[in-house]
Amino acid sequence: MSRAPHRIELVHDFVCARSYLAFTRLRRAHALHRAEGGTTRLVLRPYQIRPDTPAEGEPLFEVHRRERGEAVARAIRADRTLGAADGLDLRFDRAVFANTRAAHHLTAQAATQHRALDMAARLFRAYFTDGLDIADPHVLTRLAAEVGVRPEPDLTEHLSAELARTRHLGSPSGPVLLADGHPVLHEEPTEEELLSCLRAGPRAGRAGPPPGEGPEAPGERRPARAGDEESAGRRDQNGR
């Protein structure tokens, strides 16, 4: 008999539109599940689609024009439909493509203060709607203050280790969802599919076998993964 998963993880990047859609739908589905009495924990795990992106931001239009051509770049810039059905305002005409490492670090810090989901939501909106450079330290300081997150502790080593673990889990084309360590669903899940997965467990929509992760001693003390609102700063009991 299937059971609700103890933990649902979203491997994501802040410059990925599909990640933003999946995050928004998963957060809503998770809220509905909790209202029903569910206890599944929602965890955000960082992934960088392009880890070698320079620290200086660049208009997304210029990136698309260089890599995909003028016509495609103009079409993407003009598109205002993606995300509209989810209540999101994705402004590709404003987006500044940037390295997301610092944004993930801020989210990890927010997790230790039980504010990871709010911080992630603000970072997604900053990139996709406000046209802010989420690699800019001044921008990140302001966004952290808006959410009520202190830029501490220093989790640089933790983030490096986590990005190394997710390097083979993430996808350059969209987010990856894990239910108790098992890949589930697909890159564009609906809110209804996500809610069903939360209710029914990993067997509902399993996408493949459990992925392997880097070696780590069971019970090793470390900062909670970014987004783990309920266990931030506690010992990880899953041996990961």
C-alpha atoms as a PDB file:
ATOM      1  CA  MET A   1       0.000   0.000   0.000  1.00  0.00           C
ATOM      2  CA  SER A   2       1.445   3.361  -1.018  1.00  0.00           C
ATOM      3  CA  ARG A   3       2.049   6.023   1.576  1.00  0.00           C
ATOM      4  CA  ALA A   4       2.740   9.729   1.549  1.00  0.00           C
ATOM      5  CA  PRO A   5       6.472  10.486   1.252  1.00  0.00           C
ATOM      6  CA  HIS A   6       8.329  11.846   4.244  1.00  0.00           C
ATOM      7  CA  ARG A   7      10.284  14.249   2.065  1.00  0.00           C
ATOM      8  CA  ILE A   8       9.780  15.872  -1.337  1.00  0.00           C
ATOM      9  CA  GLU A   9      12.787  17.584  -2.917  1.00  0.00           C
ATOM     10  CA  LEU A  10      12.982  20.067  -5.773  1.00  0.00           C
ATOM     11  CA  VAL A  11      16.339  20.259  -7.541  1.00  0.00           C
ATOM     12  CA  HIS A  12      16.179  23.691  -9.137  1.00  0.00           C
ATOM     13  CA  ASP A  13      17.952  26.742 -10.477  1.00  0.00           C
ATOM     14  CA  PHE A  14      16.730  30.316 -10.184  1.00  0.00           C
ATOM     15  CA  VAL A  15      17.240  31.160 -13.874  1.00  0.00           C
ATOM     16  CA  CYS A  16      15.121  28.210 -15.022  1.00  0.00           C
ATOM     17  CA  ALA A  17      11.530  29.105 -15.906  1.00  0.00           C
ATOM     18  CA  ARG A  18      10.365  25.508 -15.502  1.00  0.00           C
ATOM     19  CA  SER A  19      11.903  25.505 -12.025  1.00  0.00           C
ATOM     20  CA  TYR A  20       9.880  28.609 -11.152  1.00  0.00           C
ATOM     21  CA  LEU A  21       6.674  26.995 -12.394  1.00  0.00           C
ATOM     22  CA  ALA A  22       7.376  23.735 -10.542  1.00  0.00           C
ATOM     23  CA  PHE A  23       8.293  25.612  -7.348  1.00  0.00           C
ATOM     24  CA  THR A  24       5.095  27.663  -7.467  1.00  0.00           C
ATOM     25  CA  ARG A  25       2.877  24.643  -8.091  1.00  0.00           C
ATOM     26  CA  LEU A  26       4.684  22.462  -5.564  1.00  0.00           C
ATOM     27  CA  ARG A  27       4.414  25.088  -2.855  1.00  0.00           C
ATOM     28  CA  ARG A  28       0.670  25.390  -3.432  1.00  0.00           C
ATOM     29  CA  ALA A  29       0.207  21.615  -3.521  1.00  0.00           C
ATOM     30  CA  HIS A  30       2.273  21.276  -0.354  1.00  0.00           C
ATOM     31  CA  ALA A  31       0.103  23.854   1.421  1.00  0.00           C
ATOM     32  CA  LEU A  32      -3.027  21.937   0.423  1.00  0.00           C
ATOM     33  CA  HIS A  33      -1.461  18.689   1.589  1.00  0.00           C
ATOM     34  CA  ARG A  34      -0.543  20.187   4.939  1.00  0.00           C
ATOM     35  CA  ALA A  35      -4.085  21.551   5.312  1.00  0.00           C
ATOM     36  CA  GLU A  36      -5.285  17.958   4.883  1.00  0.00           C
ATOM     37  CA  GLY A  37      -3.036  16.877   7.729  1.00  0.00           C
ATOM     38  CA  GLY A  38      -0.046  15.809   5.628  1.00  0.00           C
ATOM     39  CA  THR A  39       3.401  15.979   7.164  1.00  0.00           C
ATOM     40  CA  THR A  40       5.658  15.692   4.118  1.00  0.00           C
ATOM     41  CA  ARG A  41       8.639  18.048   4.269  1.00  0.00           C
ATOM     42  CA  LEU A  42       9.387  20.252   1.278  1.00  0.00           C
ATOM     43  CA  VAL A  43      13.103  20.647   0.575  1.00  0.00           C
ATOM     44  CA  LEU A  44      14.825  22.837  -2.005  1.00  0.00           C
ATOM     45  CA  ARG A  45      18.111  21.578  -3.407  1.00  0.00           C
ATOM     46  CA  PRO A  46      20.397  23.837  -5.455  1.00  0.00           C
ATOM     47  CA  TYR A  47      21.526  23.171  -9.000  1.00  0.00           C
ATOM     48  CA  GLN A  48      23.355  25.422 -11.445  1.00  0.00           C
ATOM     49  CA  ILE A  49      22.453  25.090 -15.094  1.00  0.00           C
ATOM     50  CA  ARG A  50      25.540  27.080 -16.036  1.00  0.00           C
ATOM     51  CA  PRO A  51      27.966  27.185 -13.125  1.00  0.00           C
ATOM     52  CA  ASP A  52      30.618  28.938 -15.246  1.00  0.00           C
ATOM     53  CA  THR A  53      28.447  31.991 -15.900  1.00  0.00           C
ATOM     54  CA  PRO A  54      30.437  35.172 -15.137  1.00  0.00           C
ATOM     55  CA  ALA A  55      29.617  37.109 -11.988  1.00  0.00           C
ATOM     56  CA  GLU A  56      28.588  40.115 -14.081  1.00  0.00           C
ATOM     57  CA  GLY A  57      24.994  39.827 -15.216  1.00  0.00           C
ATOM     58  CA  GLU A  58      23.990  40.113 -18.871  1.00  0.00           C
ATOM     59  CA  PRO A  59      20.565  40.822 -20.415  1.00  0.00           C
ATOM     60  CA  LEU A  60      18.920  37.491 -21.198  1.00  0.00           C
ATOM     61  CA  PHE A  61      18.004  38.815 -24.628  1.00  0.00           C
ATOM     62  CA  GLU A  62      21.688  39.171 -25.511  1.00  0.00           C
ATOM     63  CA  VAL A  63      22.391  35.613 -24.378  1.00  0.00           C
ATOM     64  CA  HIS A  64      19.541  34.287 -26.517  1.00  0.00           C
ATOM     65  CA  ARG A  65      20.517  36.395 -29.521  1.00  0.00           C
ATOM     66  CA  ARG A  66      24.102  35.141 -29.351  1.00  0.00           C
ATOM     67  CA  GLU A  67      23.147  31.491 -28.887  1.00  0.00           C
ATOM     68  CA  ARG A  68      19.824  31.141 -30.716  1.00  0.00           C
ATOM     69  CA  GLY A  69      19.678  33.982 -33.188  1.00  0.00           C
ATOM     70  CA  GLU A  70      17.856  37.304 -33.427  1.00  0.00           C
ATOM     71  CA  ALA A  71      14.433  35.939 -34.351  1.00  0.00           C
ATOM     72  CA  VAL A  72      14.255  33.445 -31.483  1.00  0.00           C
ATOM     73  CA  ALA A  73      15.581  36.014 -29.013  1.00  0.00           C
ATOM     74  CA  ARG A  74      12.903  38.510 -30.041  1.00  0.00           C
ATOM     75  CA  ALA A  75      10.148  35.881 -29.790  1.00  0.00           C
ATOM     76  CA  ILE A  76      11.203  34.888 -26.271  1.00  0.00           C
ATOM     77  CA  ARG A  77      11.512  38.502 -25.194  1.00  0.00           C
ATOM     78  CA  ALA A  78       7.982  39.241 -26.375  1.00  0.00           C
ATOM     79  CA  ASP A  79       6.376  36.189 -24.755  1.00  0.00           C
ATOM     80  CA  ARG A  80       4.146  37.087 -21.791  1.00  0.00           C
ATOM     81  CA  THR A  81       2.089  33.883 -21.730  1.00  0.00           C
ATOM     82  CA  LEU A  82       4.378  31.503 -19.855  1.00  0.00           C
ATOM     83  CA  GLY A  83       3.390  31.381 -16.200  1.00  0.00           C
ATOM     84  CA  ALA A  84       0.272  33.498 -16.637  1.00  0.00           C
ATOM     85  CA  ALA A  85      -2.040  30.600 -15.795  1.00  0.00           C
ATOM     86  CA  ASP A  86      -0.152  30.212 -12.514  1.00  0.00           C
ATOM     87  CA  GLY A  87      -0.504  33.882 -11.639  1.00  0.00           C
ATOM     88  CA  LEU A  88       3.126  34.646 -12.495  1.00  0.00           C
ATOM     89  CA  ASP A  89       4.437  37.566 -14.513  1.00  0.00           C
ATOM     90  CA  LEU A  90       7.510  36.320 -16.367  1.00  0.00           C
ATOM     91  CA  ARG A  91       9.242  39.269 -18.021  1.00  0.00           C
ATOM     92  CA  PHE A  92      11.915  37.844 -20.294  1.00  0.00           C
ATOM     93  CA  ASP A  93      12.375  41.351 -21.666  1.00  0.00           C
ATOM     94  CA  ARG A  94      13.745  42.424 -18.272  1.00  0.00           C
ATOM     95  CA  ALA A  95      15.660  39.321 -17.154  1.00  0.00           C
ATOM     96  CA  VAL A  96      19.366  39.641 -16.392  1.00  0.00           C
ATOM     97  CA  PHE A  97      21.099  36.291 -16.831  1.00  0.00           C
ATOM     98  CA  ALA A  98      23.460  35.749 -13.911  1.00  0.00           C
ATOM     99  CA  ASN A  99      25.465  33.212 -11.951  1.00  0.00           C
ATOM    100  CA  THR A 100      23.134  31.765  -9.319  1.00  0.00           C
ATOM    101  CA  ARG A 101      25.631  30.486  -6.773  1.00  0.00           C
ATOM    102  CA  ALA A 102      25.225  33.473  -4.440  1.00  0.00           C
ATOM    103  CA  ALA A 103      21.428  33.202  -4.655  1.00  0.00           C
ATOM    104  CA  HIS A 104      21.596  29.537  -3.660  1.00  0.00           C
ATOM    105  CA  HIS A 105      23.895  30.439  -0.788  1.00  0.00           C
ATOM    106  CA  LEU A 106      21.378  32.989   0.454  1.00  0.00           C
ATOM    107  CA  THR A 107      18.626  30.377   0.280  1.00  0.00           C
ATOM    108  CA  ALA A 108      20.769  27.984   2.309  1.00  0.00           C
ATOM    109  CA  GLN A 109      21.206  30.704   4.936  1.00  0.00           C
ATOM    110  CA  ALA A 110      17.461  31.312   4.896  1.00  0.00           C
ATOM    111  CA  ALA A 111      16.878  27.601   5.551  1.00  0.00           C
ATOM    112  CA  THR A 112      18.692  27.859   8.879  1.00  0.00           C
ATOM    113  CA  GLN A 113      16.191  30.601   9.768  1.00  0.00           C
ATOM    114  CA  HIS A 114      13.102  28.696   8.536  1.00  0.00           C
ATOM    115  CA  ARG A 115      12.570  31.139   5.650  1.00  0.00           C
ATOM    116  CA  ALA A 116      13.928  29.225   2.668  1.00  0.00           C
ATOM    117  CA  LEU A 117      10.651  29.003   0.745  1.00  0.00           C
ATOM    118  CA  ASP A 118       9.925  32.702   1.125  1.00  0.00           C
ATOM    119  CA  MET A 119      13.493  33.539   0.131  1.00  0.00           C
ATOM    120  CA  ALA A 120      13.350  31.317  -2.919  1.00  0.00           C
ATOM    121  CA  ALA A 121      10.032  32.821  -3.998  1.00  0.00           C
ATOM    122  CA  ARG A 122      11.516  36.310  -3.746  1.00  0.00           C
ATOM    123  CA  LEU A 123      14.611  35.326  -5.714  1.00  0.00           C
ATOM    124  CA  PHE A 124      12.555  33.784  -8.504  1.00  0.00           C
ATOM    125  CA  ARG A 125      10.403  36.904  -8.703  1.00  0.00           C
ATOM    126  CA  ALA A 126      13.459  39.150  -8.613  1.00  0.00           C
ATOM    127  CA  TYR A 127      14.905  37.392 -11.635  1.00  0.00           C
ATOM    128  CA  PHE A 128      11.831  36.701 -13.722  1.00  0.00           C
ATOM    129  CA  THR A 129       9.626  39.714 -12.931  1.00  0.00           C
ATOM    130  CA  ASP A 130      11.718  42.537 -11.516  1.00  0.00           C
ATOM    131  CA  GLY A 131      14.697  42.205 -13.840  1.00  0.00           C
ATOM    132  CA  LEU A 132      17.189  42.240 -10.963  1.00  0.00           C
ATOM    133  CA  ASP A 133      20.709  40.856 -11.082  1.00  0.00           C
ATOM    134  CA  ILE A 134      20.562  38.087  -8.498  1.00  0.00           C
ATOM    135  CA  ALA A 135      24.349  37.759  -8.529  1.00  0.00           C
ATOM    136  CA  ASP A 136      24.764  41.332  -7.292  1.00  0.00           C
ATOM    137  CA  PRO A 137      25.646  41.359  -3.556  1.00  0.00           C
ATOM    138  CA  HIS A 138      23.775  44.624  -3.000  1.00  0.00           C
ATOM    139  CA  VAL A 139      20.637  43.212  -4.615  1.00  0.00           C
ATOM    140  CA  LEU A 140      20.856  40.061  -2.503  1.00  0.00           C
ATOM    141  CA  THR A 141      21.337  42.075   0.690  1.00  0.00           C
ATOM    142  CA  ARG A 142      18.207  44.070  -0.087  1.00  0.00           C
ATOM    143  CA  LEU A 143      16.158  40.986  -0.940  1.00  0.00           C
ATOM    144  CA  ALA A 144      17.291  39.243   2.238  1.00  0.00           C
ATOM    145  CA  ALA A 145      16.181  42.236   4.275  1.00  0.00           C
ATOM    146  CA  GLU A 146      12.785  42.211   2.563  1.00  0.00           C
ATOM    147  CA  VAL A 147      12.243  38.591   3.575  1.00  0.00           C
ATOM    148  CA  GLY A 148      13.760  39.035   7.029  1.00  0.00           C
ATOM    149  CA  VAL A 149      16.777  36.823   6.453  1.00  0.00           C
ATOM    150  CA  ARG A 150      20.133  37.518   8.088  1.00  0.00           C
ATOM    151  CA  PRO A 151      23.086  36.860   5.736  1.00  0.00           C
ATOM    152  CA  GLU A 152      24.579  34.262   8.063  1.00  0.00           C
ATOM    153  CA  PRO A 153      26.088  31.756   8.733  1.00  0.00           C
ATOM    154  CA  ASP A 154      28.767  31.222   6.089  1.00  0.00           C
ATOM    155  CA  LEU A 155      27.675  28.070   4.243  1.00  0.00           C
ATOM    156  CA  THR A 156      30.148  28.244   1.372  1.00  0.00           C
ATOM    157  CA  GLU A 157      31.610  24.787   1.963  1.00  0.00           C
ATOM    158  CA  HIS A 158      28.194  23.256   2.544  1.00  0.00           C
ATOM    159  CA  LEU A 159      26.875  24.753  -0.701  1.00  0.00           C
ATOM    160  CA  SER A 160      29.887  23.519  -2.683  1.00  0.00           C
ATOM    161  CA  ALA A 161      29.317  20.005  -1.370  1.00  0.00           C
ATOM    162  CA  GLU A 162      25.601  20.144  -2.104  1.00  0.00           C
ATOM    163  CA  LEU A 163      26.134  21.427  -5.655  1.00  0.00           C
ATOM    164  CA  ALA A 164      28.588  18.581  -6.208  1.00  0.00           C
ATOM    165  CA  ARG A 165      25.912  16.116  -5.041  1.00  0.00           C
ATOM    166  CA  THR A 166      23.213  17.553  -7.275  1.00  0.00           C
ATOM    167  CA  ARG A 167      25.397  17.928 -10.349  1.00  0.00           C
ATOM    168  CA  HIS A 168      24.303  14.517 -11.624  1.00  0.00           C
ATOM    169  CA  LEU A 169      20.743  14.856 -10.289  1.00  0.00           C
ATOM    170  CA  GLY A 170      19.774  18.136 -11.921  1.00  0.00           C
ATOM    171  CA  SER A 171      18.854  18.757 -15.529  1.00  0.00           C
ATOM    172  CA  PRO A 172      19.804  21.683 -17.796  1.00  0.00           C
ATOM    173  CA  SER A 173      16.305  21.612 -19.274  1.00  0.00           C
ATOM    174  CA  GLY A 174      14.213  21.784 -16.105  1.00  0.00           C
ATOM    175  CA  PRO A 175      13.742  20.860 -12.453  1.00  0.00           C
ATOM    176  CA  VAL A 176      13.974  17.377 -10.967  1.00  0.00           C
ATOM    177  CA  LEU A 177      11.578  16.152  -8.289  1.00  0.00           C
ATOM    178  CA  LEU A 178      12.479  13.495  -5.744  1.00  0.00           C
ATOM    179  CA  ALA A 179      10.088  11.784  -3.333  1.00  0.00           C
ATOM    180  CA  ASP A 180      12.026  10.061  -0.558  1.00  0.00           C
ATOM    181  CA  GLY A 181      15.001   9.974  -2.910  1.00  0.00           C
ATOM    182  CA  HIS A 182      13.121   8.589  -5.924  1.00  0.00           C
ATOM    183  CA  PRO A 183      12.735  10.634  -9.129  1.00  0.00           C
ATOM    184  CA  VAL A 184       9.057  11.326  -9.794  1.00  0.00           C
ATOM    185  CA  LEU A 185       6.875  13.005 -12.403  1.00  0.00           C
ATOM    186  CA  HIS A 186       8.511  15.188 -15.064  1.00  0.00           C
ATOM    187  CA  GLU A 187       9.841  18.699 -15.705  1.00  0.00           C
ATOM    188  CA  GLU A 188       6.446  20.382 -16.032  1.00  0.00           C
ATOM    189  CA  PRO A 189       4.193  18.788 -13.395  1.00  0.00           C
ATOM    190  CA  THR A 190       0.748  20.202 -12.775  1.00  0.00           C
ATOM    191  CA  GLU A 191      -0.411  21.173  -9.311  1.00  0.00           C
ATOM    192  CA  GLU A 192      -2.820  18.226  -9.376  1.00  0.00           C
ATOM    193  CA  GLU A 193      -0.025  15.775 -10.205  1.00  0.00           C
ATOM    194  CA  LEU A 194       2.117  17.182  -7.412  1.00  0.00           C
ATOM    195  CA  LEU A 195      -0.703  16.920  -4.885  1.00  0.00           C
ATOM    196  CA  SER A 196      -1.331  13.309  -5.925  1.00  0.00           C
ATOM    197  CA  CYS A 197       2.349  12.547  -5.460  1.00  0.00           C
ATOM    198  CA  LEU A 198       2.315  14.112  -1.991  1.00  0.00           C
ATOM    199  CA  ARG A 199      -0.700  12.034  -1.045  1.00  0.00           C
ATOM    200  CA  ALA A 200       0.275   8.708  -2.605  1.00  0.00           C
ATOM    201  CA  GLY A 201       4.058   8.578  -2.300  1.00  0.00           C
ATOM    202  CA  PRO A 202       6.972   7.718  -4.594  1.00  0.00           C
ATOM    203  CA  ARG A 203       5.126   4.966  -6.489  1.00  0.00           C
ATOM    204  CA  ALA A 204       2.722   7.557  -7.895  1.00  0.00           C
ATOM    205  CA  GLY A 205       4.570   8.691 -10.994  1.00  0.00           C
ATOM    206  CA  ARG A 206       8.017   7.247 -10.242  1.00  0.00           C
ATOM    207  CA  ALA A 207      10.396   8.281 -12.987  1.00  0.00           C
ATOM    208  CA  GLY A 208      13.250   5.884 -12.296  1.00  0.00           C
ATOM    209  CA  PRO A 209      15.407   4.183  -9.664  1.00  0.00           C
ATOM    210  CA  PRO A 210      16.767   6.065  -6.654  1.00  0.00           C
ATOM    211  CA  PRO A 211      19.716   8.227  -7.686  1.00  0.00           C
ATOM    212  CA  GLY A 212      23.086   7.743  -6.028  1.00  0.00           C
ATOM    213  CA  GLU A 213      24.569  10.566  -4.015  1.00  0.00           C
ATOM    214  CA  GLY A 214      28.097  11.382  -2.957  1.00  0.00           C
ATOM    215  CA  PRO A 215      29.490   9.531   0.066  1.00  0.00           C
ATOM    216  CA  GLU A 216      28.667  10.942   3.449  1.00  0.00           C
ATOM    217  CA  ALA A 217      28.722   9.295   6.845  1.00  0.00           C
ATOM    218  CA  PRO A 218      25.228   8.471   8.189  1.00  0.00           C
ATOM    219  CA  GLY A 219      24.145  10.988  10.775  1.00  0.00           C
ATOM    220  CA  GLU A 220      26.978  13.381   9.941  1.00  0.00           C
ATOM    221  CA  ARG A 221      26.170  16.791  11.408  1.00  0.00           C
ATOM    222  CA  ARG A 222      25.831  19.488   8.803  1.00  0.00           C
ATOM    223  CA  PRO A 223      23.619  22.482   7.974  1.00  0.00           C
ATOM    224  CA  ALA A 224      20.185  21.552   6.649  1.00  0.00           C
ATOM    225  CA  ARG A 225      19.779  21.546   2.908  1.00  0.00           C
ATOM    226  CA  ALA A 226      18.422  24.753   1.477  1.00  0.00           C
ATOM    227  CA  GLY A 227      14.664  24.817   1.864  1.00  0.00           C
ATOM    228  CA  ASP A 228      14.399  22.223   4.596  1.00  0.00           C
ATOM    229  CA  GLU A 229      12.191  24.424   6.727  1.00  0.00           C
ATOM    230  CA  GLU A 230      11.440  21.816   9.379  1.00  0.00           C
ATOM    231  CA  SER A 231      14.912  20.467  10.056  1.00  0.00           C
ATOM    232  CA  ALA A 232      17.099  23.488   9.517  1.00  0.00           C
ATOM    233  CA  GLY A 233      20.214  23.241  11.605  1.00  0.00           C
ATOM    234  CA  ARG A 234      19.400  19.737  12.890  1.00  0.00           C
ATOM    235  CA  ARG A 235      21.147  16.397  12.356  1.00  0.00           C
ATOM    236  CA  ASP A 236      20.197  14.751   9.068  1.00  0.00           C
ATOM    237  CA  GLN A 237      18.794  11.296   9.939  1.00  0.00           C
ATOM    238  CA  ASN A 238      18.738  10.038   6.351  1.00  0.00           C
ATOM    239  CA  GLY A 239      22.487   9.462   6.064  1.00  0.00           C
ATOM    240  CA  ARG A 240      22.848  11.886   3.154  1.00  0.00           C
END
